[in-house]
Amino acid sequence: MATTTTSPAVATTSSTTTADTQRPPSFKGIDHLKLPVHSLKRTLEFYTTVFPFVHAPHWDHFTPDHKLFAQMFVYEPLGLIVEARYNPAQADAQRGWDPITWGVGTRKDLEEWTAWFVKHGVVHSPIFTGIKGWVMGCEDPDGRIVRLYVQDEEHEWTDHPSRDEKWLGTVVADPAT
């Protein structure tokens, strides 16, 4: 039997079959994120200068003939690892896409990030109204949109958040629902 639960923030469907309870219990969540890039050097510099990541060279990846093809960097407070993997074709395919949204505390923090991005010459959006908080984005070296979303304060829930095709994407409904 499947059940559907709907709340303002999340709609989920769950199944209560025996097979679901037999799943291996060892799942621990995210190990690392992987981003395809044009330049390992530029991406590493971006994430370690603009964002608070540090290079983890002991995890970098090399081909059998010792050519670097991926660099690892980590956000140490959470142990969150990001792998930048040299793959220009995939990086091109993700240009304009927003695969990652990082959390920040308050709307005031977004104002500080705006000043930080300006100081570092990073192309960024204005601060937008999201469904329950505020959001802004910037471009990484491959033209992906990296979002920052407020987590510690909210405004009144809205089903009319800001719209911006470049920074917030085009909304497309699933025709199967």
Protein backbone atom coordinates (compact mmCIF):
# COMPACT_ATOMS: atom_id res chain seq x y z
CA MET A 1 0.00 0.00 0.00
CA ALA A 2 1.42 3.39 -0.97
CA THR A 3 0.67 6.53 1.02
CA THR A 4 1.18 10.13 0.04
CA THR A 5 1.90 12.86 2.57
CA THR A 6 1.74 16.49 1.55
CA SER A 7 3.06 19.45 3.52
CA PRO A 8 3.88 22.96 2.33
CA ALA A 9 7.54 21.97 1.97
CA VAL A 10 7.55 18.30 0.96
CA ALA A 11 5.35 15.83 -0.84
CA THR A 12 6.50 12.24 -0.49
CA THR A 13 5.28 8.82 -1.45
CA SER A 14 6.22 5.83 0.64
CA SER A 15 5.61 2.14 0.26
CA THR A 16 5.26 -0.31 3.11
CA THR A 17 6.17 -3.52 1.31
CA THR A 18 8.34 -6.21 2.87
CA ALA A 19 11.07 -5.55 0.28
CA ASP A 20 11.53 -2.00 1.59
CA THR A 21 12.30 -3.26 5.10
CA GLN A 22 14.99 -5.63 3.77
CA ARG A 23 17.21 -2.86 2.41
CA PRO A 24 20.83 -3.01 3.65
CA PRO A 25 21.20 -0.87 6.81
CA SER A 26 24.70 0.43 5.98
CA PHE A 27 23.65 3.48 3.92
CA LYS A 28 25.34 6.58 5.39
CA GLY A 29 24.34 9.39 3.02
CA ILE A 30 26.54 11.54 0.80
CA ASP A 31 30.20 10.57 0.48
CA HIS A 32 31.14 13.33 -1.97
CA LEU A 33 29.78 15.49 -4.77
CA LYS A 34 31.32 15.43 -8.25
CA LEU A 35 31.49 18.36 -10.66
CA PRO A 36 32.68 18.09 -14.26
CA VAL A 37 35.04 20.97 -15.09
CA HIS A 38 37.08 22.55 -17.88
CA SER A 39 39.97 23.52 -15.62
CA LEU A 40 40.97 21.79 -12.41
CA LYS A 41 43.12 24.76 -11.43
CA ARG A 42 40.39 27.40 -11.90
CA THR A 43 37.75 25.31 -10.10
CA LEU A 44 40.03 24.56 -7.15
CA GLU A 45 40.94 28.24 -6.90
CA PHE A 46 37.25 29.25 -7.01
CA TYR A 47 36.14 26.88 -4.25
CA THR A 48 39.13 27.57 -2.00
CA THR A 49 39.11 31.34 -2.49
CA VAL A 50 35.47 32.31 -2.95
CA PHE A 51 33.98 29.53 -0.81
CA PRO A 52 35.39 28.06 2.43
CA PHE A 53 36.80 24.78 1.05
CA VAL A 54 40.36 23.51 1.43
CA HIS A 55 42.26 21.38 -1.05
CA ALA A 56 42.63 17.73 -0.01
CA PRO A 57 45.56 16.73 -2.28
CA HIS A 58 45.90 13.30 -0.68
CA TRP A 59 42.58 12.39 -2.38
CA ASP A 60 43.42 13.80 -5.83
CA HIS A 61 43.04 11.29 -8.67
CA PHE A 62 45.69 10.40 -11.24
CA THR A 63 45.75 8.24 -14.36
CA PRO A 64 48.06 5.18 -14.38
CA ASP A 65 50.66 7.37 -16.12
CA HIS A 66 50.40 9.95 -13.27
CA LYS A 67 48.35 12.65 -15.01
CA LEU A 68 45.97 14.56 -12.73
CA PHE A 69 42.31 14.15 -13.72
CA ALA A 70 40.44 15.08 -10.51
CA GLN A 71 41.06 17.29 -7.51
CA MET A 72 39.32 17.03 -4.18
CA PHE A 73 38.40 19.81 -1.81
CA VAL A 74 36.56 19.68 1.49
CA TYR A 75 34.39 21.89 3.66
CA GLU A 76 36.01 20.84 6.92
CA PRO A 77 33.27 21.76 9.45
CA LEU A 78 31.00 19.15 7.84
CA GLY A 79 33.60 16.91 6.19
CA LEU A 80 31.78 17.55 2.89
CA ILE A 81 34.00 16.58 -0.04
CA VAL A 82 33.68 17.88 -3.60
CA GLU A 83 35.49 16.26 -6.52
CA ALA A 84 36.30 18.45 -9.50
CA ARG A 85 36.79 16.03 -12.40
CA TYR A 86 38.23 17.13 -15.73
CA ASN A 87 35.42 16.52 -18.23
CA PRO A 88 34.85 19.51 -20.53
CA ALA A 89 31.94 17.94 -22.44
CA GLN A 90 29.95 17.31 -19.25
CA ALA A 91 30.90 20.77 -17.92
CA ASP A 92 29.47 22.29 -21.12
CA ALA A 93 26.26 20.29 -20.65
CA GLN A 94 25.83 21.71 -17.12
CA ARG A 95 26.40 25.37 -18.06
CA GLY A 96 23.50 27.35 -16.57
CA TRP A 97 22.38 24.41 -14.40
CA ASP A 98 22.21 24.71 -10.60
CA PRO A 99 23.21 21.33 -9.13
CA ILE A 100 24.21 22.61 -5.67
CA THR A 101 22.55 24.92 -3.17
CA TRP A 102 24.69 25.80 -0.14
CA GLY A 103 23.08 26.95 3.08
CA VAL A 104 23.71 30.27 4.83
CA GLY A 105 22.20 31.64 8.02
CA THR A 106 20.19 34.78 7.31
CA ARG A 107 19.19 37.24 4.62
CA LYS A 108 21.84 39.59 6.02
CA ASP A 109 24.40 36.86 5.28
CA LEU A 110 23.34 36.99 1.62
CA GLU A 111 24.09 40.72 1.65
CA GLU A 112 27.60 39.91 2.96
CA TRP A 113 28.01 37.28 0.22
CA THR A 114 26.99 39.89 -2.36
CA ALA A 115 29.82 42.17 -1.18
CA TRP A 116 32.22 39.17 -1.14
CA PHE A 117 31.32 38.21 -4.70
CA VAL A 118 31.80 41.81 -5.86
CA LYS A 119 35.21 41.94 -4.15
CA HIS A 120 36.27 38.74 -5.95
CA GLY A 121 34.78 39.61 -9.33
CA VAL A 122 32.26 36.74 -9.22
CA VAL A 123 29.20 37.10 -11.45
CA HIS A 124 26.17 36.85 -9.15
CA SER A 125 22.45 37.45 -8.93
CA PRO A 126 20.51 39.82 -6.74
CA ILE A 127 18.84 38.38 -3.64
CA PHE A 128 15.57 36.70 -4.59
CA THR A 129 12.52 35.68 -2.59
CA GLY A 130 12.24 31.90 -2.40
CA ILE A 131 9.28 29.83 -1.30
CA LYS A 132 10.11 30.21 2.40
CA GLY A 133 13.41 32.07 2.49
CA TRP A 134 15.80 34.08 0.36
CA VAL A 135 18.19 32.82 -2.29
CA MET A 136 20.94 34.13 -4.53
CA GLY A 137 23.30 32.56 -7.00
CA CYS A 138 26.70 32.99 -8.54
CA GLU A 139 28.49 31.46 -11.52
CA ASP A 140 31.33 29.03 -11.01
CA PRO A 141 34.21 28.94 -13.54
CA ASP A 142 32.20 26.57 -15.78
CA GLY A 143 29.07 28.73 -15.84
CA ARG A 144 27.12 26.51 -13.43
CA ILE A 145 24.85 28.36 -11.04
CA VAL A 146 25.85 27.86 -7.40
CA ARG A 147 23.04 28.92 -5.08
CA LEU A 148 23.06 30.14 -1.49
CA TYR A 149 19.78 29.65 0.42
CA VAL A 150 18.89 31.11 3.83
CA GLN A 151 18.31 28.38 6.43
CA ASP A 152 17.99 30.14 9.81
CA GLU A 153 15.18 32.60 9.09
CA GLU A 154 12.07 32.48 6.95
CA HIS A 155 9.49 34.79 5.51
CA GLU A 156 5.83 33.90 5.15
CA TRP A 157 5.36 30.89 2.83
CA THR A 158 4.62 31.93 -0.76
CA ASP A 159 3.70 30.06 -3.89
CA HIS A 160 4.80 33.14 -5.86
CA PRO A 161 8.56 33.22 -5.36
CA SER A 162 10.81 35.39 -7.50
CA ARG A 163 11.24 34.28 -11.10
CA ASP A 164 14.43 34.68 -13.11
CA GLU A 165 15.25 32.33 -15.96
CA LYS A 166 19.03 32.68 -15.65
CA TRP A 167 19.42 32.50 -11.89
CA LEU A 168 16.40 30.49 -10.78
CA GLY A 169 15.79 28.40 -13.87
CA THR A 170 12.72 27.80 -15.93
CA VAL A 171 9.86 26.10 -14.11
CA VAL A 172 8.57 23.08 -16.02
CA ALA A 173 5.79 20.87 -14.62
CA ASP A 174 5.94 17.09 -14.91
CA PRO A 175 3.14 16.13 -17.34
CA ALA A 176 2.83 12.72 -15.64
CA THR A 177 1.54 14.30 -12.41
